[in-house]
Amino acid sequence: MDRGDLRMMSLLLSRVLEDIGVSSYIIFRRRRTWLEIDTHNSMLCTMNGKQITHFTFGSQSEGTTTPGMQSDVDSLRCLNSVHVILDLDEWKQEDYNLLVKTTEQSPPQHCWLQRLRTDLPLPVTHAMLRNDIECEGIVLHSNAVVVNREHLRRFSLSDEIVRHGPSISWTEARDNVLAYKCARLPDECQILFQRPRPGHWPNPDILERARQTGVFLVPQGYTESPSRPSKCRSTALHVTQYDLYYPKSKLEWRLSTSMMERIWVFDFNIIQHKVYVLLKMLRKSFLQPIVGDRFSTFHMKTCMFFTIETYPPDIWREDNLVQCVIYCLTTLKRWLKIKYCPHYTIAGVNLFTGKLFQYEQNIIAKTVTNMLTSNLQCCHFIEMDSLGAKVMALQLGIVISENKSKNIINQTTSITSNLCYEFIGNCQANVLLLMDKTNSWDLQQFEQANLQYITTLLNISDQGTALQQESATFPLACLTSNLASALASRCIYLGQPITQDILNLYRLSFDSDLLSTKLKFASMLYRSGQYEAAENCLSY
């Protein structure tokens, strides 16, 4: 295949990727939706008195997926009530303080968390709490995180919960992990800022933002054995099971730089996004059948980071897409040859360790070599999103432009509709939890609790960030509409007129585009005998 053929192949692949949702608009919508969901979930936790911040990492929040990938959702809930520190100088009185401990024998990317007293910056001497274990003369916080299983079952259609190592969820489509956060980056996470780099990427502004992200402590023990059974599908959190042959795994916590990695992906331009999505398709189509998810999306993401850093920025062009994928696969092939895949943000980590046997790395290397030798002709055989068939159809010139335009519109509409459904479904579930909490109360208690929630949301709408303001709109509409209907029902039952305060609550609910709030208002008008007004409302 000569340079002209590579250029044509690049343009066709870029066009098809655009058609299946790898476009600037869809990437923005995916990111915005999941950031709003995270903001909404965190906001509702605060209203319920829980110190929890929600994060969604991986393909969904990055916008690096397609409908055919059927990517799962990697959720992390950060417990802010626990203060994780690197030095005793950072200790805070009356907080639950945990000190990060590492020794020369500590596995790469792992640490212990030592329990400290709440009154003095001194270690606890005896295990008193449920998850604490005495080991080698110190009290350590184990990674056996307690999860409210009954709460999760409420979301499960089968009344069962799904467990993938420390991830526990109500569905196979989600990985939910509890974690703590350390505000400062440990020494091993400083490698990116210290090692020599060409300098064009990441740029200084992005690097400075990355310095401020801190690091998550995920409840995951270390294992070197790739033969250990695992159902893990998580790409952002690397969730694995405990190793029964390595008891200390229950004491270890894994360092996760997921927030930093998200910053890198968010800095990708559209061509880099397309390259990354195509790499993921190649992995899922041709490498996953060989070794399953033990060779994961995270390996491809790491390969992408190092390739962008190493190669000049002017290569990332639409007509050079195939060559960019070849550069990334060349980076991967080099790692497979030396049996070492470095972590982009953490020093001393080989991402092949505990994942792939050496003979499997040789098999993958051979498969990647075949891809490179054929100049990615294997793309014609990717069944996901019918990518291969669509590329061949374009090459044969059999696609009618009118039908193509309709297909693109339909695909975009389908993706945005699913994102809208995801956001509204999440918000409705949270509002129902708030309502369930108040269902057993009398009307006065119900009114007071809901007014408190509404006041909080109104303050957020006035003073919060843009994301918080947008995320507050839906629950505010639901709560004001529900409260207004409850109070209106009492007035109608007692034969009293609807007060101005109740009408104001209904008006607040109109700020959203929810049809249900207008229907509740129309119902109130009808039940209170305002038939013409009810008719006008329904007609509108």
Protein backbone atom coordinates (compact mmCIF):
# COMPACT_ATOMS: atom_id res chain seq x y z
CA MET A 1 0.00 0.00 0.00
CA ASP A 2 1.59 3.30 -1.10
CA ARG A 3 1.26 6.71 0.53
CA GLY A 4 -1.78 7.61 -1.58
CA ASP A 5 -3.61 4.43 -0.54
CA LEU A 6 -2.80 5.10 3.13
CA ARG A 7 -4.14 8.62 2.78
CA MET A 8 -7.37 7.40 1.18
CA MET A 9 -7.78 4.69 3.82
CA SER A 10 -7.28 7.31 6.54
CA LEU A 11 -9.95 9.59 5.10
CA LEU A 12 -12.44 6.73 4.77
CA LEU A 13 -11.84 5.51 8.34
CA SER A 14 -12.13 9.05 9.68
CA ARG A 15 -15.43 9.51 7.85
CA VAL A 16 -16.88 6.23 9.12
CA LEU A 17 -15.75 6.94 12.69
CA GLU A 18 -17.53 10.29 12.44
CA ASP A 19 -20.66 8.52 11.22
CA ILE A 20 -20.74 6.12 14.20
CA GLY A 21 -20.43 8.87 16.80
CA VAL A 22 -16.73 9.73 17.12
CA SER A 23 -17.38 13.41 16.44
CA SER A 24 -16.64 16.58 18.37
CA TYR A 25 -20.35 17.07 19.13
CA ILE A 26 -20.96 13.54 20.47
CA ILE A 27 -17.72 13.55 22.47
CA PHE A 28 -18.79 16.83 24.09
CA ARG A 29 -22.29 15.48 24.82
CA ARG A 30 -20.93 12.30 26.41
CA ARG A 31 -18.51 14.20 28.61
CA ARG A 32 -21.05 16.82 29.62
CA THR A 33 -23.69 14.21 30.45
CA TRP A 34 -21.46 12.11 32.70
CA LEU A 35 -19.93 15.15 34.40
CA GLU A 36 -23.48 16.34 35.14
CA ILE A 37 -24.41 12.91 36.49
CA ASP A 38 -21.35 12.95 38.76
CA THR A 39 -22.15 16.48 39.93
CA HIS A 40 -25.78 15.57 40.56
CA ASN A 41 -24.90 12.42 42.52
CA SER A 42 -22.35 14.28 44.65
CA MET A 43 -24.85 17.06 45.27
CA LEU A 44 -27.57 14.66 46.43
CA CYS A 45 -25.09 12.89 48.73
CA THR A 46 -24.31 16.24 50.38
CA MET A 47 -28.03 16.93 50.83
CA ASN A 48 -28.36 13.55 52.54
CA GLY A 49 -25.51 14.35 54.90
CA LYS A 50 -23.02 11.99 53.20
CA GLN A 51 -19.47 13.13 52.49
CA ILE A 52 -19.13 11.37 49.16
CA THR A 53 -17.96 12.65 45.77
CA HIS A 54 -18.93 10.67 42.67
CA PHE A 55 -16.67 10.16 39.65
CA THR A 56 -17.20 8.33 36.37
CA PHE A 57 -14.00 7.35 34.60
CA GLY A 58 -13.17 5.41 31.45
CA SER A 59 -14.86 5.34 28.06
CA GLN A 60 -18.21 6.86 28.98
CA SER A 61 -17.00 10.08 30.60
CA GLU A 62 -14.05 10.40 28.18
CA GLY A 63 -16.31 10.15 25.14
CA THR A 64 -14.07 7.43 23.69
CA THR A 65 -16.72 4.83 22.93
CA THR A 66 -19.30 3.92 20.29
CA PRO A 67 -22.67 2.15 20.52
CA GLY A 68 -21.13 -1.06 19.20
CA MET A 69 -18.45 -1.15 21.90
CA GLN A 70 -21.09 -1.58 24.61
CA SER A 71 -18.70 -0.03 27.12
CA ASP A 72 -19.47 -0.48 30.80
CA VAL A 73 -19.53 2.38 33.31
CA ASP A 74 -16.59 2.73 35.71
CA SER A 75 -17.82 4.56 38.79
CA LEU A 76 -15.76 5.62 41.78
CA ARG A 77 -17.23 6.96 45.01
CA CYS A 78 -14.69 8.89 47.04
CA LEU A 79 -15.30 8.86 50.81
CA ASN A 80 -14.35 12.39 51.89
CA SER A 81 -14.82 11.64 55.60
CA VAL A 82 -11.41 9.90 55.62
CA HIS A 83 -8.29 12.07 55.50
CA VAL A 84 -5.39 10.28 53.76
CA ILE A 85 -1.99 11.88 54.29
CA LEU A 86 1.63 11.33 53.25
CA ASP A 87 3.19 13.00 56.29
CA LEU A 88 2.20 13.50 59.93
CA ASP A 89 2.40 17.27 59.40
CA GLU A 90 -0.83 16.97 57.38
CA TRP A 91 -2.76 15.37 60.26
CA LYS A 92 -6.12 16.98 61.15
CA GLN A 93 -7.72 16.79 64.56
CA GLU A 94 -11.01 14.86 64.93
CA ASP A 95 -10.77 13.52 61.36
CA TYR A 96 -10.28 9.86 60.48
CA ASN A 97 -6.61 10.11 59.49
CA LEU A 98 -4.84 7.39 57.52
CA LEU A 99 -1.11 7.58 56.83
CA VAL A 100 0.26 6.16 53.57
CA LYS A 101 2.98 3.62 54.40
CA THR A 102 5.44 2.05 51.96
CA THR A 103 8.58 -0.01 52.49
CA GLU A 104 11.26 -1.46 50.23
CA GLN A 105 9.14 -4.61 50.06
CA SER A 106 5.97 -2.76 49.02
CA PRO A 107 4.69 -3.92 45.61
CA PRO A 108 4.70 -1.34 42.80
CA GLN A 109 1.74 1.05 42.86
CA HIS A 110 0.59 -0.26 46.26
CA CYS A 111 0.77 0.93 49.86
CA TRP A 112 -0.59 0.34 53.34
CA LEU A 113 -2.82 2.76 55.24
CA GLN A 114 -1.91 3.17 58.90
CA ARG A 115 -4.60 4.28 61.33
CA LEU A 116 -3.82 7.46 63.35
CA ARG A 117 -5.45 8.84 66.47
CA THR A 118 -8.07 11.59 66.20
CA ASP A 119 -6.76 13.63 69.15
CA LEU A 120 -3.00 13.53 68.48
CA PRO A 121 -0.83 12.95 65.38
CA LEU A 122 0.22 9.54 66.69
CA PRO A 123 -0.39 5.97 65.48
CA VAL A 124 -3.25 3.94 66.96
CA THR A 125 -1.78 1.10 69.02
CA HIS A 126 -4.70 -1.36 69.09
CA ALA A 127 -7.17 -2.39 66.38
CA MET A 128 -10.59 -1.19 67.50
CA LEU A 129 -12.51 -0.49 64.31
CA ARG A 130 -14.15 -3.08 62.07
CA ASN A 131 -11.72 -2.88 59.16
CA ASP A 132 -8.51 -2.50 61.18
CA ILE A 133 -5.87 -5.22 61.45
CA GLU A 134 -2.71 -5.35 63.58
CA CYS A 135 0.29 -6.27 61.43
CA GLU A 136 4.00 -6.00 62.13
CA GLY A 137 3.39 -3.91 65.24
CA ILE A 138 1.15 -1.28 63.61
CA VAL A 139 -2.61 -0.93 63.04
CA LEU A 140 -3.51 -0.99 59.36
CA HIS A 141 -6.79 -0.22 57.64
CA SER A 142 -7.71 -3.23 55.50
CA ASN A 143 -9.23 -2.89 52.04
CA ALA A 144 -12.34 -4.90 52.98
CA VAL A 145 -14.61 -1.90 52.40
CA VAL A 146 -18.11 -2.30 53.85
CA VAL A 147 -20.84 -1.79 51.25
CA ASN A 148 -24.59 -1.35 51.80
CA ARG A 149 -25.77 -4.36 49.80
CA GLU A 150 -29.45 -3.71 50.49
CA HIS A 151 -29.11 -0.23 49.00
CA LEU A 152 -27.62 -1.73 45.82
CA ARG A 153 -30.35 -4.37 45.56
CA ARG A 154 -32.92 -1.61 45.18
CA PHE A 155 -31.48 -0.88 41.74
CA SER A 156 -31.18 -4.55 40.69
CA LEU A 157 -33.90 -5.97 38.47
CA SER A 158 -32.98 -9.51 39.60
CA ASP A 159 -32.59 -8.54 43.29
CA GLU A 160 -28.98 -9.73 43.05
CA ILE A 161 -25.68 -7.91 43.24
CA VAL A 162 -22.64 -8.37 41.00
CA ARG A 163 -19.13 -8.47 42.41
CA HIS A 164 -15.86 -8.04 40.50
CA GLY A 165 -13.18 -8.07 43.18
CA PRO A 166 -13.78 -4.99 45.39
CA SER A 167 -16.21 -3.61 42.82
CA ILE A 168 -19.80 -4.29 43.81
CA SER A 169 -22.76 -3.33 41.65
CA TRP A 170 -26.36 -4.13 40.77
CA THR A 171 -25.58 -4.85 37.11
CA GLU A 172 -22.86 -6.28 34.87
CA ALA A 173 -22.84 -2.96 32.99
CA ARG A 174 -21.29 -1.08 35.90
CA ASP A 175 -18.20 -1.30 38.09
CA ASN A 176 -18.63 0.61 41.36
CA VAL A 177 -15.63 1.12 43.59
CA LEU A 178 -15.30 2.89 46.93
CA ALA A 179 -12.04 4.79 47.40
CA TYR A 180 -10.23 7.39 49.45
CA LYS A 181 -8.33 10.38 48.12
CA CYS A 182 -4.91 11.70 49.01
CA ALA A 183 -4.64 15.38 48.09
CA ARG A 184 -0.89 15.18 47.41
CA LEU A 185 0.85 13.04 44.82
CA PRO A 186 3.21 10.42 46.32
CA ASP A 187 6.80 10.33 45.09
CA GLU A 188 6.13 7.46 42.66
CA CYS A 189 3.45 9.61 40.96
CA GLN A 190 5.90 12.45 40.31
CA ILE A 191 7.74 10.59 37.53
CA LEU A 192 5.92 12.42 34.73
CA PHE A 193 7.10 15.79 36.02
CA GLN A 194 10.70 14.64 36.48
CA ARG A 195 11.65 12.42 33.54
CA PRO A 196 12.92 13.99 30.27
CA ARG A 197 10.24 14.58 27.63
CA PRO A 198 10.16 16.33 24.24
CA GLY A 199 7.97 18.98 25.86
CA HIS A 200 5.17 19.60 23.35
CA TRP A 201 2.70 17.35 25.23
CA PRO A 202 1.37 17.57 27.84
CA ASN A 203 1.79 21.35 27.79
CA PRO A 204 2.73 23.28 30.98
CA ASP A 205 -0.86 24.32 31.76
CA ILE A 206 -2.11 20.73 31.58
CA LEU A 207 0.82 19.53 33.67
CA GLU A 208 0.06 22.10 36.35
CA ARG A 209 -3.57 20.95 36.48
CA ALA A 210 -2.38 17.36 36.76
CA ARG A 211 -0.20 18.24 39.77
CA GLN A 212 -3.33 19.31 41.65
CA THR A 213 -5.37 16.15 41.09
CA GLY A 214 -4.03 14.08 43.96
CA VAL A 215 -4.36 10.31 43.89
CA PHE A 216 -7.10 7.82 44.76
CA LEU A 217 -6.52 4.85 47.06
CA VAL A 218 -8.49 1.93 45.63
CA PRO A 219 -9.13 -1.21 47.75
CA GLN A 220 -7.13 -3.64 45.65
CA GLY A 221 -4.32 -5.97 46.68
CA TYR A 222 -1.30 -6.84 44.57
CA THR A 223 -0.82 -10.06 42.63
CA GLU A 224 1.78 -11.23 40.16
CA SER A 225 -0.23 -14.24 39.02
CA PRO A 226 -2.02 -13.82 35.67
CA SER A 227 -3.53 -17.29 36.11
CA ARG A 228 -5.74 -16.12 38.93
CA PRO A 229 -9.41 -16.15 37.82
CA SER A 230 -10.90 -12.73 37.35
CA LYS A 231 -14.13 -11.41 35.87
CA CYS A 232 -12.77 -7.91 35.75
CA ARG A 233 -13.82 -5.77 32.80
CA SER A 234 -12.94 -2.41 34.29
CA THR A 235 -10.52 -0.35 32.21
CA ALA A 236 -10.25 2.77 34.32
CA LEU A 237 -10.01 1.24 37.77
CA HIS A 238 -8.30 -2.12 37.10
CA VAL A 239 -10.47 -3.92 39.64
CA THR A 240 -9.28 -7.44 40.48
CA GLN A 241 -10.09 -10.06 43.09
CA TYR A 242 -8.17 -10.82 46.24
CA ASP A 243 -5.30 -13.31 45.92
CA LEU A 244 -5.95 -16.13 48.38
CA TYR A 245 -2.26 -17.12 48.19
CA TYR A 246 -1.06 -13.67 49.17
CA PRO A 247 -2.79 -12.78 52.49
CA LYS A 248 -1.24 -9.31 52.65
CA SER A 249 -3.30 -8.36 49.60
CA LYS A 250 -6.14 -7.54 52.02
CA LEU A 251 -3.96 -4.86 53.60
CA GLU A 252 -2.87 -3.19 50.38
CA TRP A 253 -4.35 -0.22 48.56
CA ARG A 254 -3.60 0.60 44.94
CA LEU A 255 -2.65 4.09 43.82
CA SER A 256 -4.95 5.29 41.05
CA THR A 257 -4.27 8.37 38.93
CA SER A 258 -7.60 8.17 37.07
CA MET A 259 -8.26 11.89 37.45
CA MET A 260 -4.89 12.75 35.95
CA GLU A 261 -5.44 10.31 33.08
CA ARG A 262 -8.81 11.90 32.36
CA ILE A 263 -7.08 15.26 31.95
CA TRP A 264 -4.78 13.77 29.30
CA VAL A 265 -7.69 12.26 27.34
CA PHE A 266 -9.72 15.46 27.59
CA ASP A 267 -6.76 17.20 25.93
CA PHE A 268 -6.88 14.91 22.87
CA ASN A 269 -7.81 16.58 19.60
CA ILE A 270 -10.45 14.95 17.39
CA ILE A 271 -7.92 12.96 15.31
CA GLN A 272 -6.28 11.61 18.45
CA HIS A 273 -9.72 10.60 19.67
CA LYS A 274 -10.38 8.72 16.45
CA VAL A 275 -7.01 6.98 16.66
CA TYR A 276 -7.69 5.94 20.24
CA VAL A 277 -11.19 4.62 19.44
CA LEU A 278 -9.80 2.67 16.49
CA LEU A 279 -7.10 1.17 18.73
CA LYS A 280 -9.81 0.07 21.15
CA MET A 281 -11.75 -1.52 18.30
CA LEU A 282 -8.66 -3.39 17.16
CA ARG A 283 -8.08 -4.64 20.69
CA LYS A 284 -11.64 -5.81 21.14
CA SER A 285 -11.88 -7.39 17.69
CA PHE A 286 -8.51 -9.16 17.39
CA LEU A 287 -6.70 -9.22 20.75
CA GLN A 288 -9.53 -9.80 23.20
CA PRO A 289 -10.39 -13.22 21.68
CA ILE A 290 -6.79 -14.31 22.44
CA VAL A 291 -6.32 -13.25 26.09
CA GLY A 292 -9.64 -11.72 27.09
CA ASP A 293 -9.60 -8.44 29.00
CA ARG A 294 -6.25 -9.19 30.62
CA PHE A 295 -4.87 -7.13 27.76
CA SER A 296 -7.06 -4.14 28.48
CA THR A 297 -8.09 -0.78 27.12
CA PHE A 298 -5.72 0.74 29.67
CA HIS A 299 -2.75 -0.79 27.83
CA MET A 300 -3.96 0.94 24.66
CA LYS A 301 -4.53 4.20 26.53
CA THR A 302 -1.00 4.10 27.93
CA CYS A 303 0.34 3.36 24.45
CA MET A 304 -1.57 6.40 23.19
CA PHE A 305 -0.12 8.69 25.89
CA PHE A 306 3.49 7.73 25.15
CA THR A 307 2.99 7.97 21.37
CA ILE A 308 1.49 11.49 21.55
CA GLU A 309 4.36 12.53 23.81
CA THR A 310 7.05 11.01 21.59
CA TYR A 311 5.95 11.93 18.05
CA PRO A 312 5.69 15.51 16.71
CA PRO A 313 2.25 17.18 16.94
CA ASP A 314 1.90 17.76 13.19
CA ILE A 315 1.38 14.03 12.44
CA TRP A 316 -2.16 14.08 13.89
CA ARG A 317 -4.04 14.83 10.69
CA GLU A 318 -7.17 13.29 9.21
CA ASP A 319 -5.31 12.09 6.11
CA ASN A 320 -2.63 10.50 8.34
CA LEU A 321 -4.94 8.58 10.67
CA VAL A 322 -3.76 5.10 9.62
CA GLN A 323 -0.11 6.07 10.04
CA CYS A 324 -0.87 7.42 13.55
CA VAL A 325 -2.43 4.08 14.50
CA ILE A 326 0.68 2.36 13.11
CA TYR A 327 2.89 4.58 15.30
CA CYS A 328 0.85 3.57 18.38
CA LEU A 329 1.01 -0.14 17.52
CA THR A 330 4.76 0.20 16.95
CA THR A 331 5.07 1.55 20.50
CA LEU A 332 3.04 -1.41 21.76
CA LYS A 333 5.11 -3.90 19.76
CA ARG A 334 8.30 -2.53 21.29
CA TRP A 335 6.90 -3.07 24.80
CA LEU A 336 5.78 -6.59 23.96
CA LYS A 337 9.25 -7.37 22.66
CA ILE A 338 10.98 -6.26 25.88
CA LYS A 339 8.12 -7.67 28.04
CA TYR A 340 7.65 -4.33 29.80
CA CYS A 341 4.77 -1.85 29.56
CA PRO A 342 5.47 1.28 31.66
CA HIS A 343 2.77 3.19 33.51
CA TYR A 344 2.51 6.75 32.20
CA THR A 345 2.04 8.42 35.59
CA ILE A 346 3.46 5.98 38.18
CA ALA A 347 7.09 4.88 38.38
CA GLY A 348 8.27 1.28 38.61
CA VAL A 349 5.09 -0.33 37.28
CA ASN A 350 5.03 -2.96 34.53
CA LEU A 351 1.43 -3.11 33.29
CA PHE A 352 2.00 -6.61 31.86
CA THR A 353 2.79 -8.00 35.33
CA GLY A 354 -0.04 -10.10 36.71
CA LYS A 355 -1.92 -9.74 33.42
CA LEU A 356 -0.14 -11.67 30.66
CA PHE A 357 2.14 -14.68 30.51
CA GLN A 358 5.26 -14.24 28.39
CA TYR A 359 4.04 -16.66 25.73
CA GLU A 360 0.81 -14.63 25.49
CA GLN A 361 2.82 -11.47 24.99
CA ASN A 362 4.59 -13.23 22.10
CA ILE A 363 1.24 -14.15 20.55
CA ILE A 364 -0.05 -10.58 20.85
CA ALA A 365 3.23 -9.27 19.42
CA LYS A 366 2.83 -11.56 16.40
CA THR A 367 -0.76 -10.38 15.89
CA VAL A 368 0.28 -6.73 16.13
CA THR A 369 3.14 -7.37 13.68
CA ASN A 370 0.62 -8.79 11.17
CA MET A 371 -1.50 -5.66 11.57
CA LEU A 372 1.51 -3.45 10.88
CA THR A 373 2.73 -5.53 7.92
CA SER A 374 -0.68 -5.29 6.23
CA ASN A 375 -1.02 -1.54 6.95
CA LEU A 376 -4.18 -2.19 8.99
CA GLN A 377 -6.09 -4.10 6.31
CA CYS A 378 -7.65 -5.91 9.29
CA CYS A 379 -9.86 -2.83 9.75
CA HIS A 380 -12.00 -4.18 6.91
CA PHE A 381 -12.94 -7.10 9.17
CA ILE A 382 -14.04 -5.10 12.23
CA GLU A 383 -17.68 -6.03 12.80
CA MET A 384 -18.22 -3.55 15.63
CA ASP A 385 -20.57 -0.75 14.50
CA SER A 386 -20.24 -2.37 11.02
CA LEU A 387 -17.05 -0.33 10.64
CA GLY A 388 -15.35 -2.71 8.19
CA ALA A 389 -18.45 -3.04 6.00
CA LYS A 390 -18.96 0.72 5.93
CA VAL A 391 -15.35 1.36 4.91
CA MET A 392 -15.61 -1.20 2.10
CA ALA A 393 -18.92 0.30 0.96
CA LEU A 394 -17.31 3.73 0.70
CA GLN A 395 -14.38 2.27 -1.22
CA LEU A 396 -16.80 0.70 -3.70
CA GLY A 397 -18.78 3.95 -3.93
CA ILE A 398 -22.12 2.31 -3.25
CA VAL A 399 -23.32 4.64 -0.47
CA ILE A 400 -26.00 7.12 -1.54
CA SER A 401 -25.34 10.49 0.05
CA GLU A 402 -29.01 11.12 0.98
CA ASN A 403 -29.28 7.81 2.84
CA LYS A 404 -25.89 8.42 4.43
CA SER A 405 -27.04 11.78 5.79
CA LYS A 406 -30.17 10.20 7.24
CA ASN A 407 -28.12 7.44 8.88
CA ILE A 408 -25.75 9.96 10.48
CA ILE A 409 -28.70 11.99 11.82
CA ASN A 410 -30.37 8.84 13.15
CA GLN A 411 -27.15 7.66 14.81
CA THR A 412 -26.54 11.06 16.43
CA THR A 413 -30.15 11.24 17.60
CA SER A 414 -29.96 7.72 19.04
CA ILE A 415 -26.76 8.45 20.97
CA THR A 416 -27.98 11.77 22.37
CA SER A 417 -31.34 10.19 23.31
CA ASN A 418 -29.55 7.42 25.21
CA LEU A 419 -27.40 10.00 27.02
CA CYS A 420 -30.52 11.97 27.93
CA TYR A 421 -32.18 8.77 29.18
CA GLU A 422 -29.08 7.96 31.26
CA PHE A 423 -29.08 11.38 32.90
CA ILE A 424 -32.82 11.52 33.60
CA GLY A 425 -32.89 7.92 34.85
CA ASN A 426 -30.05 8.66 37.26
CA CYS A 427 -31.73 11.83 38.54
CA GLN A 428 -35.10 10.10 38.95
CA ALA A 429 -33.50 7.32 40.99
CA ASN A 430 -31.90 9.86 43.31
CA VAL A 431 -35.11 11.86 43.71
CA LEU A 432 -37.00 8.65 44.51
CA LEU A 433 -34.47 7.90 47.24
CA LEU A 434 -35.11 11.34 48.72
CA MET A 435 -38.87 10.79 48.51
CA ASP A 436 -38.64 7.32 50.08
CA LYS A 437 -36.78 8.88 52.99
CA THR A 438 -39.76 11.18 53.70
CA ASN A 439 -42.64 8.83 52.85
CA SER A 440 -43.16 7.70 56.46
CA TRP A 441 -43.35 11.27 57.77
CA ASP A 442 -46.50 13.35 58.30
CA LEU A 443 -47.23 16.25 55.95
CA GLN A 444 -45.55 18.85 58.17
CA GLN A 445 -42.30 16.84 58.38
CA PHE A 446 -42.51 16.13 54.65
CA GLU A 447 -42.96 19.84 53.91
CA GLN A 448 -40.06 20.92 56.13
CA ALA A 449 -37.66 18.33 54.72
CA ASN A 450 -38.50 19.13 51.11
CA LEU A 451 -38.28 22.88 51.69
CA GLN A 452 -34.80 22.31 53.10
CA TYR A 453 -33.81 20.32 49.99
CA ILE A 454 -35.34 22.96 47.72
CA THR A 455 -33.55 25.80 49.53
CA THR A 456 -30.24 23.98 49.14
CA LEU A 457 -30.84 23.45 45.42
CA LEU A 458 -31.87 27.08 44.93
CA ASN A 459 -28.63 28.21 46.57
CA ILE A 460 -26.70 25.91 44.24
CA SER A 461 -28.63 27.32 41.26
CA ASP A 462 -27.62 30.84 42.26
CA GLN A 463 -24.06 30.34 43.48
CA GLY A 464 -22.79 26.98 42.20
CA THR A 465 -20.58 26.21 39.24
CA ALA A 466 -22.10 25.97 35.76
CA LEU A 467 -22.24 22.17 36.09
CA GLN A 468 -23.85 22.37 39.53
CA GLN A 469 -26.44 24.87 38.33
CA GLU A 470 -27.37 22.69 35.38
CA SER A 471 -27.42 19.54 37.50
CA ALA A 472 -29.70 21.17 40.07
CA THR A 473 -32.45 21.93 37.53
CA PHE A 474 -33.96 18.45 37.29
CA PRO A 475 -34.15 17.53 41.03
CA LEU A 476 -35.37 21.05 41.84
CA ALA A 477 -38.24 20.65 39.36
CA CYS A 478 -39.17 17.21 40.74
CA LEU A 479 -39.07 18.23 44.40
CA THR A 480 -40.96 21.52 43.95
CA SER A 481 -43.60 19.79 41.82
CA ASN A 482 -44.03 16.95 44.32
CA LEU A 483 -44.26 19.29 47.30
CA ALA A 484 -46.66 21.62 45.49
CA SER A 485 -48.92 18.67 44.60
CA ALA A 486 -48.91 17.36 48.19
CA LEU A 487 -49.80 20.78 49.61
CA ALA A 488 -52.41 21.42 46.89
CA SER A 489 -54.02 18.05 47.64
CA ARG A 490 -54.46 19.07 51.28
CA CYS A 491 -56.06 22.39 50.24
CA ILE A 492 -58.46 20.64 47.85
CA TYR A 493 -59.35 18.03 50.49
CA LEU A 494 -60.12 20.75 53.05
CA GLY A 495 -62.01 22.88 50.50
CA GLN A 496 -59.50 25.71 50.78
CA PRO A 497 -58.15 27.86 47.90
CA ILE A 498 -54.71 27.12 46.48
CA THR A 499 -52.27 29.54 48.13
CA GLN A 500 -49.79 31.76 46.33
CA ASP A 501 -46.90 29.86 47.94
CA ILE A 502 -48.10 26.65 46.32
CA LEU A 503 -48.42 28.36 42.94
CA ASN A 504 -44.88 29.70 43.34
CA LEU A 505 -43.64 26.14 43.94
CA TYR A 506 -45.35 25.02 40.73
CA ARG A 507 -43.73 27.91 38.84
CA LEU A 508 -40.31 26.86 40.12
CA SER A 509 -40.89 23.41 38.66
CA PHE A 510 -41.54 24.92 35.22
CA ASP A 511 -37.88 25.89 34.83
CA SER A 512 -37.18 22.38 33.53
CA ASP A 513 -38.56 20.83 30.36
CA LEU A 514 -40.21 17.98 32.27
CA LEU A 515 -43.71 17.27 30.97
CA SER A 516 -44.71 15.66 34.28
CA THR A 517 -44.46 18.98 36.17
CA LYS A 518 -46.94 20.61 33.76
CA LEU A 519 -49.29 17.62 33.98
CA LYS A 520 -49.30 17.82 37.79
CA PHE A 521 -50.11 21.52 37.54
CA ALA A 522 -52.94 20.82 35.09
CA SER A 523 -54.26 18.12 37.42
CA MET A 524 -54.32 20.59 40.31
CA LEU A 525 -56.19 23.14 38.18
CA TYR A 526 -58.79 20.54 37.16
CA ARG A 527 -59.29 19.18 40.70
CA SER A 528 -59.72 22.70 42.08
CA GLY A 529 -62.42 23.49 39.50
CA GLN A 530 -60.33 25.74 37.24
CA TYR A 531 -61.38 23.90 34.10
CA GLU A 532 -60.57 26.56 31.51
CA ALA A 533 -57.11 27.10 32.98
CA ALA A 534 -56.54 23.32 33.01
CA GLU A 535 -57.58 23.11 29.34
CA ASN A 536 -55.22 25.96 28.40
CA CYS A 537 -52.36 24.29 30.28
CA LEU A 538 -52.93 20.96 28.53
CA SER A 539 -53.27 22.64 25.13
CA TYR A 540 -49.97 24.45 25.69
